[in-house]
Amino acid sequence: SKDLKGAMESLIEQKRQKLSTVEKLDEHMDFASQLIFAQNRGDLTAENVNQCVLEMMIAAPDTLSVTLFFMLILIAEHPTVEEEMMREIETVMGKQELQS
């Protein structure tokens, strides 16, 4: 548990460093980024951020639905990303029918 917590803190710190050096922030916005910025604004503590990321990593049945919901919201808010995703699917799949 202590090792996992340390690993999460390390990953979040790496993400924080990456966010501080990117030129176009909107290209790097994801759930972890949103959490980090919420901490920067004082809305969350470092422990809140660590716990959220940890739960997303280990509590898949519960967090998967939240993550998918968040992903779908982001896709809906960024139609160009959706178009790029569809082009990539078409490039990879060609005329094959999509399957679950």
Protein backbone atom coordinates (compact mmCIF):
# COMPACT_ATOMS: atom_id res chain seq x y z
CA SER A 1 0.00 0.00 0.00
CA LYS A 2 2.85 2.38 0.87
CA ASP A 3 4.69 1.47 -2.34
CA LEU A 4 1.55 2.00 -4.40
CA LYS A 5 0.92 5.37 -2.77
CA GLY A 6 4.51 6.40 -3.47
CA ALA A 7 4.23 5.27 -7.08
CA MET A 8 1.02 7.30 -7.51
CA GLU A 9 2.65 10.39 -6.02
CA SER A 10 5.59 9.95 -8.39
CA LEU A 11 3.33 9.59 -11.44
CA ILE A 12 1.32 12.66 -10.45
CA GLU A 13 4.50 14.66 -9.96
CA GLN A 14 5.69 13.57 -13.42
CA LYS A 15 2.36 14.70 -14.87
CA ARG A 16 2.60 18.01 -12.98
CA GLN A 17 6.11 18.60 -14.42
CA LYS A 18 4.94 17.76 -17.93
CA LEU A 19 2.03 20.21 -17.63
CA SER A 20 4.39 22.96 -16.54
CA THR A 21 6.50 22.61 -19.70
CA VAL A 22 3.96 22.09 -22.49
CA GLU A 23 3.32 24.84 -25.00
CA LYS A 24 -0.30 24.00 -25.83
CA LEU A 25 -2.04 23.05 -22.64
CA ASP A 26 -5.33 22.07 -24.29
CA GLU A 27 -3.60 19.15 -26.01
CA HIS A 28 -2.64 17.67 -22.62
CA MET A 29 -5.86 18.11 -20.67
CA ASP A 30 -7.17 14.91 -19.17
CA PHE A 31 -8.74 13.87 -15.89
CA ALA A 32 -5.43 13.85 -14.00
CA SER A 33 -4.62 17.31 -15.40
CA GLN A 34 -8.01 18.60 -14.26
CA LEU A 35 -7.33 17.23 -10.77
CA ILE A 36 -3.90 18.86 -10.66
CA PHE A 37 -5.35 22.22 -11.69
CA ALA A 38 -8.12 21.87 -9.11
CA GLN A 39 -5.38 21.40 -6.50
CA ASN A 40 -3.52 24.46 -7.85
CA ARG A 41 -6.71 26.51 -7.45
CA GLY A 42 -7.12 25.24 -3.88
CA ASP A 43 -10.24 23.19 -4.65
CA LEU A 44 -8.50 19.89 -3.78
CA THR A 45 -5.64 18.85 -1.55
CA ALA A 46 -2.65 16.83 -2.76
CA GLU A 47 -4.11 13.88 -0.87
CA ASN A 48 -7.43 14.31 -2.73
CA VAL A 49 -5.61 14.23 -6.06
CA ASN A 50 -3.53 11.19 -5.08
CA GLN A 51 -6.62 9.34 -3.85
CA CYS A 52 -8.61 10.09 -7.03
CA VAL A 53 -5.82 8.89 -9.29
CA LEU A 54 -5.23 5.81 -7.13
CA GLU A 55 -8.91 4.92 -7.18
CA MET A 56 -9.02 5.31 -10.94
CA MET A 57 -6.11 2.91 -11.22
CA ILE A 58 -7.30 0.17 -8.84
CA ALA A 59 -11.08 0.44 -8.60
CA ALA A 60 -11.82 -0.25 -12.24
CA PRO A 61 -15.46 -1.36 -11.96
CA ASP A 62 -16.52 1.88 -10.27
CA THR A 63 -14.17 4.31 -11.93
CA LEU A 64 -14.44 2.84 -15.41
CA SER A 65 -17.94 4.23 -15.80
CA VAL A 66 -16.81 7.65 -14.55
CA THR A 67 -13.77 7.58 -16.82
CA LEU A 68 -15.82 6.56 -19.86
CA PHE A 69 -18.37 9.25 -19.09
CA PHE A 70 -15.60 11.86 -18.78
CA MET A 71 -14.02 10.63 -22.02
CA LEU A 72 -17.33 10.84 -23.88
CA ILE A 73 -17.94 14.36 -22.55
CA LEU A 74 -14.49 15.43 -23.76
CA ILE A 75 -15.07 13.89 -27.18
CA ALA A 76 -18.44 15.66 -27.41
CA GLU A 77 -16.79 18.96 -26.47
CA HIS A 78 -14.02 18.52 -29.06
CA PRO A 79 -15.55 17.49 -32.41
CA THR A 80 -12.21 17.68 -34.20
CA VAL A 81 -10.87 14.98 -31.87
CA GLU A 82 -13.91 12.84 -32.64
CA GLU A 83 -13.28 13.30 -36.37
CA GLU A 84 -9.61 12.31 -35.93
CA MET A 85 -10.65 9.22 -33.96
CA MET A 86 -13.12 8.19 -36.64
CA ARG A 87 -10.49 8.68 -39.37
CA GLU A 88 -8.04 6.51 -37.44
CA ILE A 89 -10.65 3.79 -36.94
CA GLU A 90 -11.44 3.86 -40.66
CA THR A 91 -7.72 3.76 -41.54
CA VAL A 92 -7.09 0.76 -39.30
CA MET A 93 -10.32 -1.12 -39.94
CA GLY A 94 -10.81 -0.31 -43.62
CA LYS A 95 -14.08 -1.87 -44.73
CA GLN A 96 -14.12 -4.43 -41.92
CA GLU A 97 -17.11 -4.29 -39.64
CA LEU A 98 -16.45 -3.11 -36.08
CA GLN A 99 -16.90 -5.69 -33.35
CA SER A 100 -17.07 -5.49 -29.57
